[in-house]
Amino acid sequence: MAKKVIYRKRFVPLETVALKDDRILFESDTRMVTCWKSLKPRADIGGGISAYFIDKGIKVSKIFAPDGRFVHWYCDMIRTVSHEDEIIFTDLLIDVVIDPDGRLHVLDAGEAADALQGGLITADILCEALRAMDLLLADIDAGRFSSYTEWITKYEGEAGYGLPNA
């Protein structure tokens, strides 16, 4: 069987990008764990490990600086379409970031509202993003965020601290 290609689809900007260098560490019908390097060189982010919770519409990433230092947890609300040789993760705009000190930030809610008003997304897509965010925030509030992060921790050694071929 050929290597599965992972795609990231975004609405803002409107693009679909093959994540051809992402390495799949684990895959099932409801979960996927990958490690990756930044698509474009950045001073603040070198790469990471991502756990996709396909059944929940949530992707949690442990983000690392280029020197391998932990930066923060980054949580995307996603929609997944899977085929035999490819999987497309659509970024539903709304994100949640958790700093190392535990501070939480909800990002891009205004951008999602603008995308709805501008016709870039439908009300159904925005509702899907809001429901996934609500589930994630409820799990964080109830002290269950570790049920997400343990998937990353489990594969961290194999990933070389989130940096493929590190």
N, C-alpha and C. Protein backbone atom coordinates (compact mmCIF):
# COMPACT_ATOMS: atom_id res chain seq x y z
N MET A 1 0.83 -1.17 0.00
CA MET A 1 0.00 0.00 0.00
C MET A 1 0.88 1.25 0.00
N ALA A 2 0.51 2.24 -0.80
CA ALA A 2 1.28 3.47 -0.89
C ALA A 2 1.14 4.28 0.39
N LYS A 3 2.13 5.13 0.62
CA LYS A 3 2.09 6.00 1.79
C LYS A 3 0.87 6.91 1.71
N LYS A 4 0.15 7.02 2.83
CA LYS A 4 -1.02 7.90 2.90
C LYS A 4 -0.55 9.35 2.90
N VAL A 5 -1.20 10.19 2.11
CA VAL A 5 -0.88 11.60 2.05
C VAL A 5 -1.87 12.36 2.92
N ILE A 6 -1.35 13.26 3.76
CA ILE A 6 -2.17 14.08 4.63
C ILE A 6 -2.27 15.47 4.01
N TYR A 7 -3.48 16.01 3.97
CA TYR A 7 -3.71 17.36 3.46
C TYR A 7 -4.31 18.22 4.56
N ARG A 8 -3.91 19.49 4.59
CA ARG A 8 -4.53 20.48 5.45
C ARG A 8 -5.27 21.46 4.55
N LYS A 9 -6.58 21.53 4.78
CA LYS A 9 -7.41 22.47 4.02
C LYS A 9 -7.77 23.62 4.95
N ARG A 10 -7.65 24.84 4.44
CA ARG A 10 -8.00 26.02 5.23
C ARG A 10 -8.97 26.89 4.43
N PHE A 11 -9.75 27.66 5.17
CA PHE A 11 -10.66 28.61 4.55
C PHE A 11 -10.04 30.00 4.45
N VAL A 12 -9.18 30.36 5.41
CA VAL A 12 -8.53 31.67 5.44
C VAL A 12 -7.04 31.46 5.70
N PRO A 13 -6.18 31.59 4.69
CA PRO A 13 -6.51 31.76 3.29
C PRO A 13 -7.06 30.45 2.72
N LEU A 14 -7.80 30.56 1.64
CA LEU A 14 -8.39 29.39 1.00
C LEU A 14 -7.28 28.60 0.30
N GLU A 15 -6.95 27.44 0.88
CA GLU A 15 -5.87 26.63 0.32
C GLU A 15 -5.98 25.19 0.83
N THR A 16 -5.42 24.29 0.06
CA THR A 16 -5.25 22.90 0.48
C THR A 16 -3.78 22.56 0.22
N VAL A 17 -3.08 22.14 1.29
CA VAL A 17 -1.66 21.90 1.22
C VAL A 17 -1.37 20.45 1.61
N ALA A 18 -0.57 19.76 0.79
CA ALA A 18 -0.13 18.41 1.14
C ALA A 18 0.94 18.51 2.22
N LEU A 19 0.73 17.80 3.32
CA LEU A 19 1.72 17.77 4.41
C LEU A 19 2.60 16.55 4.19
N LYS A 20 3.30 16.55 3.06
CA LYS A 20 4.03 15.37 2.59
C LYS A 20 5.17 14.93 3.49
N ASP A 21 5.65 15.84 4.34
CA ASP A 21 6.75 15.48 5.24
C ASP A 21 6.27 15.06 6.62
N ASP A 22 4.97 15.17 6.88
CA ASP A 22 4.44 14.70 8.17
C ASP A 22 4.61 13.18 8.24
N ARG A 23 5.00 12.71 9.39
CA ARG A 23 5.20 11.28 9.59
C ARG A 23 4.09 10.73 10.48
N ILE A 24 3.38 9.72 10.01
CA ILE A 24 2.30 9.11 10.79
C ILE A 24 2.92 8.13 11.77
N LEU A 25 2.67 8.36 13.06
CA LEU A 25 3.19 7.50 14.12
C LEU A 25 2.15 6.48 14.58
N PHE A 26 0.87 6.82 14.43
CA PHE A 26 -0.22 5.94 14.82
C PHE A 26 -1.45 6.34 14.02
N GLU A 27 -2.26 5.33 13.65
CA GLU A 27 -3.50 5.62 12.92
C GLU A 27 -4.54 4.56 13.22
N SER A 28 -5.76 5.02 13.50
CA SER A 28 -6.93 4.16 13.63
C SER A 28 -8.11 4.92 13.01
N ASP A 29 -9.30 4.36 13.13
CA ASP A 29 -10.48 5.04 12.57
C ASP A 29 -10.78 6.36 13.28
N THR A 30 -10.43 6.46 14.55
CA THR A 30 -10.79 7.64 15.34
C THR A 30 -9.61 8.48 15.79
N ARG A 31 -8.38 8.00 15.60
CA ARG A 31 -7.18 8.70 16.09
C ARG A 31 -6.06 8.65 15.05
N MET A 32 -5.26 9.69 15.08
CA MET A 32 -4.03 9.70 14.30
C MET A 32 -3.02 10.54 15.07
N VAL A 33 -1.78 10.09 15.09
CA VAL A 33 -0.70 10.86 15.71
C VAL A 33 0.39 11.04 14.65
N THR A 34 0.81 12.29 14.48
CA THR A 34 1.85 12.60 13.49
C THR A 34 2.93 13.47 14.14
N CYS A 35 4.10 13.48 13.51
CA CYS A 35 5.12 14.45 13.88
C CYS A 35 5.49 15.20 12.62
N TRP A 36 5.93 16.42 12.79
CA TRP A 36 6.11 17.31 11.65
C TRP A 36 7.09 18.42 11.96
N LYS A 37 7.60 19.02 10.90
CA LYS A 37 8.38 20.25 10.99
C LYS A 37 7.55 21.35 10.35
N SER A 38 7.81 22.59 10.72
CA SER A 38 7.10 23.73 10.13
C SER A 38 7.27 23.72 8.62
N LEU A 39 6.19 24.04 7.91
CA LEU A 39 6.26 24.08 6.45
C LEU A 39 7.22 25.17 5.97
N LYS A 40 7.20 26.31 6.67
CA LYS A 40 8.10 27.41 6.34
C LYS A 40 8.95 27.69 7.57
N PRO A 41 10.23 27.97 7.39
CA PRO A 41 11.09 28.25 8.55
C PRO A 41 10.54 29.39 9.39
N ARG A 42 10.52 29.16 10.72
CA ARG A 42 10.03 30.17 11.66
C ARG A 42 10.98 30.23 12.84
N ALA A 43 11.12 31.41 13.40
CA ALA A 43 11.99 31.58 14.56
C ALA A 43 11.36 31.02 15.83
N ASP A 44 10.02 30.97 15.88
CA ASP A 44 9.33 30.56 17.10
C ASP A 44 8.88 29.11 17.12
N ILE A 45 8.71 28.49 15.96
CA ILE A 45 8.18 27.13 15.89
C ILE A 45 9.04 26.29 14.95
N GLY A 46 9.56 25.18 15.48
CA GLY A 46 10.35 24.27 14.67
C GLY A 46 9.53 23.09 14.17
N GLY A 47 8.58 22.64 14.98
CA GLY A 47 7.77 21.49 14.62
C GLY A 47 6.92 21.07 15.79
N GLY A 48 6.39 19.85 15.68
CA GLY A 48 5.54 19.37 16.76
C GLY A 48 5.06 17.96 16.56
N ILE A 49 4.25 17.56 17.51
CA ILE A 49 3.56 16.27 17.46
C ILE A 49 2.07 16.59 17.56
N SER A 50 1.27 16.01 16.68
CA SER A 50 -0.16 16.28 16.67
C SER A 50 -0.94 15.00 16.85
N ALA A 51 -1.98 15.08 17.69
CA ALA A 51 -2.92 13.98 17.88
C ALA A 51 -4.27 14.45 17.34
N TYR A 52 -4.76 13.71 16.37
CA TYR A 52 -6.04 14.02 15.74
C TYR A 52 -7.11 13.15 16.39
N PHE A 53 -8.14 13.79 16.93
CA PHE A 53 -9.28 13.09 17.52
C PHE A 53 -10.41 13.24 16.53
N ILE A 54 -10.39 12.37 15.53
CA ILE A 54 -11.27 12.46 14.38
C ILE A 54 -12.73 12.43 14.79
N ASP A 55 -13.05 11.60 15.77
CA ASP A 55 -14.43 11.45 16.22
C ASP A 55 -14.92 12.66 17.03
N LYS A 56 -14.00 13.49 17.51
CA LYS A 56 -14.36 14.66 18.31
C LYS A 56 -14.23 15.97 17.54
N GLY A 57 -13.56 15.94 16.37
CA GLY A 57 -13.34 17.15 15.60
C GLY A 57 -12.28 18.05 16.20
N ILE A 58 -11.28 17.44 16.86
CA ILE A 58 -10.25 18.20 17.55
C ILE A 58 -8.87 17.66 17.20
N LYS A 59 -7.92 18.57 16.97
CA LYS A 59 -6.51 18.21 16.81
C LYS A 59 -5.73 18.94 17.90
N VAL A 60 -4.95 18.20 18.67
CA VAL A 60 -4.12 18.79 19.72
C VAL A 60 -2.66 18.61 19.31
N SER A 61 -1.91 19.71 19.32
CA SER A 61 -0.50 19.67 18.94
C SER A 61 0.37 20.17 20.07
N LYS A 62 1.47 19.47 20.29
CA LYS A 62 2.50 19.93 21.20
C LYS A 62 3.53 20.62 20.32
N ILE A 63 3.68 21.92 20.51
CA ILE A 63 4.52 22.73 19.64
C ILE A 63 5.89 22.93 20.28
N PHE A 64 6.93 22.76 19.45
CA PHE A 64 8.31 22.91 19.89
C PHE A 64 9.00 24.05 19.13
N ALA A 65 9.87 24.77 19.82
CA ALA A 65 10.72 25.79 19.20
C ALA A 65 11.78 25.07 18.36
N PRO A 66 12.47 25.78 17.48
CA PRO A 66 13.53 25.14 16.69
C PRO A 66 14.60 24.46 17.54
N ASP A 67 14.82 24.93 18.77
CA ASP A 67 15.82 24.31 19.64
C ASP A 67 15.25 23.12 20.43
N GLY A 68 13.99 22.74 20.18
CA GLY A 68 13.38 21.59 20.84
C GLY A 68 12.64 21.91 22.12
N ARG A 69 12.66 23.17 22.53
CA ARG A 69 11.96 23.60 23.76
C ARG A 69 10.45 23.61 23.52
N PHE A 70 9.67 23.14 24.51
CA PHE A 70 8.21 23.16 24.45
C PHE A 70 7.71 24.60 24.45
N VAL A 71 6.84 24.93 23.50
CA VAL A 71 6.31 26.29 23.38
C VAL A 71 4.91 26.38 24.00
N HIS A 72 3.97 25.56 23.50
CA HIS A 72 2.60 25.53 24.01
C HIS A 72 1.83 24.39 23.35
N TRP A 73 0.63 24.17 23.87
CA TRP A 73 -0.33 23.25 23.24
C TRP A 73 -1.18 24.09 22.30
N TYR A 74 -1.39 23.59 21.09
CA TYR A 74 -2.21 24.29 20.11
C TYR A 74 -3.32 23.34 19.67
N CYS A 75 -4.57 23.76 19.83
CA CYS A 75 -5.71 22.90 19.54
C CYS A 75 -6.54 23.49 18.41
N ASP A 76 -6.65 22.74 17.33
CA ASP A 76 -7.45 23.15 16.17
C ASP A 76 -8.78 22.41 16.20
N MET A 77 -9.83 23.08 15.77
CA MET A 77 -11.10 22.41 15.54
C MET A 77 -11.06 21.97 14.08
N ILE A 78 -11.37 20.70 13.82
CA ILE A 78 -11.16 20.14 12.48
C ILE A 78 -12.36 19.33 11.98
N ARG A 79 -12.40 19.16 10.69
CA ARG A 79 -13.31 18.22 10.02
C ARG A 79 -12.42 17.29 9.21
N THR A 80 -12.74 16.00 9.23
CA THR A 80 -11.88 15.01 8.58
C THR A 80 -12.62 14.25 7.49
N VAL A 81 -11.97 14.11 6.35
CA VAL A 81 -12.44 13.25 5.27
C VAL A 81 -11.30 12.32 4.93
N SER A 82 -11.57 11.01 5.00
CA SER A 82 -10.52 10.02 4.78
C SER A 82 -10.84 9.15 3.57
N HIS A 83 -9.80 8.91 2.79
CA HIS A 83 -9.88 8.00 1.65
C HIS A 83 -8.79 6.96 1.85
N GLU A 84 -8.72 5.98 0.99
CA GLU A 84 -7.76 4.89 1.15
C GLU A 84 -6.32 5.39 1.22
N ASP A 85 -5.96 6.35 0.34
CA ASP A 85 -4.56 6.79 0.28
C ASP A 85 -4.35 8.25 0.68
N GLU A 86 -5.40 8.90 1.18
CA GLU A 86 -5.26 10.29 1.61
C GLU A 86 -6.26 10.60 2.71
N ILE A 87 -5.90 11.60 3.50
CA ILE A 87 -6.78 12.09 4.55
C ILE A 87 -6.72 13.60 4.52
N ILE A 88 -7.88 14.24 4.54
CA ILE A 88 -7.96 15.69 4.46
C ILE A 88 -8.52 16.21 5.78
N PHE A 89 -7.71 17.02 6.45
CA PHE A 89 -8.13 17.67 7.68
C PHE A 89 -8.44 19.12 7.35
N THR A 90 -9.69 19.51 7.54
CA THR A 90 -10.07 20.89 7.30
C THR A 90 -10.04 21.67 8.60
N ASP A 91 -9.29 22.76 8.61
CA ASP A 91 -9.17 23.65 9.76
C ASP A 91 -10.45 24.48 9.84
N LEU A 92 -11.19 24.36 10.93
CA LEU A 92 -12.46 25.06 11.09
C LEU A 92 -12.30 26.43 11.77
N LEU A 93 -11.12 26.99 11.68
CA LEU A 93 -10.79 28.36 12.05
C LEU A 93 -10.60 28.60 13.55
N ILE A 94 -11.47 28.13 14.40
CA ILE A 94 -11.37 28.43 15.83
C ILE A 94 -10.30 27.54 16.47
N ASP A 95 -9.42 28.18 17.26
CA ASP A 95 -8.31 27.47 17.90
C ASP A 95 -8.28 27.78 19.39
N VAL A 96 -7.67 26.88 20.14
CA VAL A 96 -7.45 27.08 21.57
C VAL A 96 -5.97 26.82 21.83
N VAL A 97 -5.31 27.76 22.52
CA VAL A 97 -3.90 27.62 22.87
C VAL A 97 -3.79 27.55 24.38
N ILE A 98 -2.96 26.62 24.86
CA ILE A 98 -2.71 26.51 26.29
C ILE A 98 -1.21 26.71 26.50
N ASP A 99 -0.87 27.77 27.23
CA ASP A 99 0.51 28.09 27.53
C ASP A 99 1.08 27.10 28.55
N PRO A 100 2.41 27.02 28.64
CA PRO A 100 3.03 26.13 29.64
C PRO A 100 2.57 26.40 31.07
N ASP A 101 2.21 27.66 31.36
CA ASP A 101 1.75 27.99 32.72
C ASP A 101 0.25 27.73 32.91
N GLY A 102 -0.42 27.18 31.88
CA GLY A 102 -1.83 26.83 31.99
C GLY A 102 -2.80 27.89 31.50
N ARG A 103 -2.30 29.08 31.15
CA ARG A 103 -3.21 30.10 30.61
C ARG A 103 -3.81 29.61 29.30
N LEU A 104 -5.08 29.91 29.10
CA LEU A 104 -5.82 29.43 27.94
C LEU A 104 -6.25 30.62 27.08
N HIS A 105 -6.14 30.48 25.77
CA HIS A 105 -6.51 31.53 24.83
C HIS A 105 -7.39 30.92 23.74
N VAL A 106 -8.56 31.51 23.48
CA VAL A 106 -9.39 31.12 22.35
C VAL A 106 -9.04 32.10 21.22
N LEU A 107 -8.67 31.54 20.07
CA LEU A 107 -8.22 32.36 18.94
C LEU A 107 -9.17 32.25 17.75
N ASP A 108 -9.22 33.30 16.99
CA ASP A 108 -9.85 33.34 15.67
C ASP A 108 -11.37 33.20 15.66
N ALA A 109 -12.04 33.44 16.78
CA ALA A 109 -13.50 33.42 16.77
C ALA A 109 -14.04 34.54 15.87
N GLY A 110 -13.41 35.71 15.94
CA GLY A 110 -13.81 36.82 15.07
C GLY A 110 -13.58 36.50 13.61
N GLU A 111 -12.45 35.83 13.32
CA GLU A 111 -12.16 35.42 11.95
C GLU A 111 -13.21 34.43 11.44
N ALA A 112 -13.66 33.53 12.31
CA ALA A 112 -14.71 32.58 11.93
C ALA A 112 -16.02 33.31 11.64
N ALA A 113 -16.36 34.30 12.47
CA ALA A 113 -17.57 35.09 12.24
C ALA A 113 -17.47 35.84 10.90
N ASP A 114 -16.30 36.43 10.64
CA ASP A 114 -16.09 37.13 9.37
C ASP A 114 -16.20 36.18 8.19
N ALA A 115 -15.67 34.96 8.34
CA ALA A 115 -15.74 33.97 7.26
C ALA A 115 -17.19 33.56 6.99
N LEU A 116 -17.99 33.46 8.04
CA LEU A 116 -19.41 33.15 7.86
C LEU A 116 -20.11 34.29 7.14
N GLN A 117 -19.90 35.51 7.60
CA GLN A 117 -20.54 36.67 6.98
C GLN A 117 -20.08 36.87 5.54
N GLY A 118 -18.83 36.52 5.27
CA GLY A 118 -18.29 36.68 3.92
C GLY A 118 -18.60 35.52 2.99
N GLY A 119 -19.30 34.51 3.47
CA GLY A 119 -19.68 33.38 2.63
C GLY A 119 -18.58 32.35 2.42
N LEU A 120 -17.48 32.45 3.19
CA LEU A 120 -16.39 31.47 3.04
C LEU A 120 -16.71 30.14 3.72
N ILE A 121 -17.54 30.20 4.77
CA ILE A 121 -17.98 28.98 5.46
C ILE A 121 -19.49 29.05 5.64
N THR A 122 -20.07 27.90 5.92
CA THR A 122 -21.52 27.83 6.17
C THR A 122 -21.78 27.88 7.67
N ALA A 123 -23.03 28.09 8.02
CA ALA A 123 -23.43 28.06 9.42
C ALA A 123 -23.16 26.67 10.01
N ASP A 124 -23.34 25.63 9.21
CA ASP A 124 -23.08 24.26 9.69
C ASP A 124 -21.61 24.08 10.07
N ILE A 125 -20.70 24.64 9.29
CA ILE A 125 -19.27 24.53 9.59
C ILE A 125 -18.95 25.30 10.87
N LEU A 126 -19.50 26.50 11.02
CA LEU A 126 -19.26 27.27 12.24
C LEU A 126 -19.83 26.54 13.45
N CYS A 127 -21.02 25.95 13.33
CA CYS A 127 -21.61 25.19 14.44
C CYS A 127 -20.74 23.99 14.80
N GLU A 128 -20.20 23.32 13.80
CA GLU A 128 -19.31 22.19 14.04
C GLU A 128 -18.07 22.63 14.82
N ALA A 129 -17.50 23.76 14.44
CA ALA A 129 -16.32 24.29 15.14
C ALA A 129 -16.67 24.66 16.58
N LEU A 130 -17.79 25.31 16.77
CA LEU A 130 -18.20 25.73 18.12
C LEU A 130 -18.49 24.52 19.01
N ARG A 131 -19.11 23.49 18.47
CA ARG A 131 -19.38 22.28 19.27
C ARG A 131 -18.08 21.58 19.67
N ALA A 132 -17.13 21.49 18.74
CA ALA A 132 -15.85 20.87 19.07
C ALA A 132 -15.11 21.69 20.12
N MET A 133 -15.13 23.03 19.98
CA MET A 133 -14.48 23.88 20.96
C MET A 133 -15.15 23.73 22.32
N ASP A 134 -16.46 23.67 22.35
CA ASP A 134 -17.19 23.51 23.61
C ASP A 134 -16.81 22.20 24.29
N LEU A 135 -16.70 21.12 23.52
CA LEU A 135 -16.29 19.82 24.07
C LEU A 135 -14.88 19.91 24.65
N LEU A 136 -13.97 20.50 23.90
CA LEU A 136 -12.58 20.64 24.36
C LEU A 136 -12.51 21.47 25.64
N LEU A 137 -13.18 22.62 25.66
CA LEU A 137 -13.13 23.48 26.84
C LEU A 137 -13.76 22.80 28.05
N ALA A 138 -14.82 22.03 27.84
CA ALA A 138 -15.44 21.29 28.95
C ALA A 138 -14.46 20.24 29.49
N ASP A 139 -13.76 19.56 28.59
CA ASP A 139 -12.78 18.56 29.02
C ASP A 139 -11.62 19.22 29.78
N ILE A 140 -11.16 20.37 29.31
CA ILE A 140 -10.09 21.09 30.00
C ILE A 140 -10.57 21.51 31.39
N ASP A 141 -11.76 22.09 31.44
CA ASP A 141 -12.32 22.56 32.71
C ASP A 141 -12.51 21.42 33.71
N ALA A 142 -12.84 20.23 33.21
CA ALA A 142 -13.07 19.07 34.08
C ALA A 142 -11.77 18.34 34.42
N GLY A 143 -10.63 18.87 33.96
CA GLY A 143 -9.35 18.23 34.26
C GLY A 143 -9.04 17.03 33.39
N ARG A 144 -9.67 16.96 32.21
CA ARG A 144 -9.47 15.81 31.32
C ARG A 144 -8.60 16.11 30.10
N PHE A 145 -7.84 17.22 30.13
CA PHE A 145 -6.99 17.53 28.98
C PHE A 145 -5.93 16.45 28.77
N SER A 146 -5.53 15.79 29.86
CA SER A 146 -4.52 14.73 29.74
C SER A 146 -5.00 13.57 28.87
N SER A 147 -6.32 13.40 28.71
CA SER A 147 -6.82 12.34 27.82
C SER A 147 -6.47 12.65 26.36
N TYR A 148 -6.16 13.89 26.06
CA TYR A 148 -5.68 14.29 24.73
C TYR A 148 -4.15 14.21 24.68
N THR A 149 -3.51 14.79 25.67
CA THR A 149 -2.05 14.90 25.63
C THR A 149 -1.34 13.56 25.80
N GLU A 150 -1.99 12.59 26.45
CA GLU A 150 -1.34 11.28 26.64
C GLU A 150 -1.07 10.59 25.31
N TRP A 151 -1.87 10.89 24.28
CA TRP A 151 -1.62 10.33 22.96
C TRP A 151 -0.32 10.86 22.39
N ILE A 152 0.00 12.10 22.68
CA ILE A 152 1.25 12.70 22.21
C ILE A 152 2.43 12.20 23.02
N THR A 153 2.28 12.19 24.33
CA THR A 153 3.34 11.73 25.22
C THR A 153 3.76 10.31 24.89
N LYS A 154 2.77 9.48 24.55
CA LYS A 154 3.02 8.07 24.23
C LYS A 154 3.99 7.91 23.05
N TYR A 155 3.95 8.84 22.10
CA TYR A 155 4.76 8.73 20.88
C TYR A 155 5.90 9.73 20.81
N GLU A 156 6.08 10.51 21.86
CA GLU A 156 7.08 11.58 21.84
C GLU A 156 8.50 11.07 21.59
N GLY A 157 8.88 10.00 22.23
CA GLY A 157 10.22 9.45 22.02
C GLY A 157 10.44 8.99 20.59
N GLU A 158 9.44 8.33 20.03
CA GLU A 158 9.52 7.86 18.65
C GLU A 158 9.61 9.01 17.67
N ALA A 159 9.01 10.13 18.03
CA ALA A 159 8.97 11.29 17.14
C ALA A 159 10.26 12.10 17.19
N GLY A 160 11.12 11.84 18.15
CA GLY A 160 12.31 12.68 18.28
C GLY A 160 11.94 14.07 18.74
N TYR A 161 11.04 14.13 19.73
CA TYR A 161 10.55 15.40 20.28
C TYR A 161 9.87 16.26 19.24
N GLY A 162 9.12 15.61 18.37
CA GLY A 162 8.28 16.34 17.44
C GLY A 162 8.94 16.76 16.15
N LEU A 163 10.21 16.46 16.01
CA LEU A 163 10.90 16.90 14.81
C LEU A 163 11.30 15.69 13.96
N PRO A 164 10.57 15.44 12.85
CA PRO A 164 10.90 14.29 12.02
C PRO A 164 12.37 14.31 11.62
N ASN A 165 12.97 13.16 11.64
CA ASN A 165 14.38 12.99 11.26
C ASN A 165 15.32 13.80 12.13
N ALA A 166 14.89 14.09 13.36
CA ALA A 166 15.75 14.88 14.25
C ALA A 166 16.82 14.00 14.86
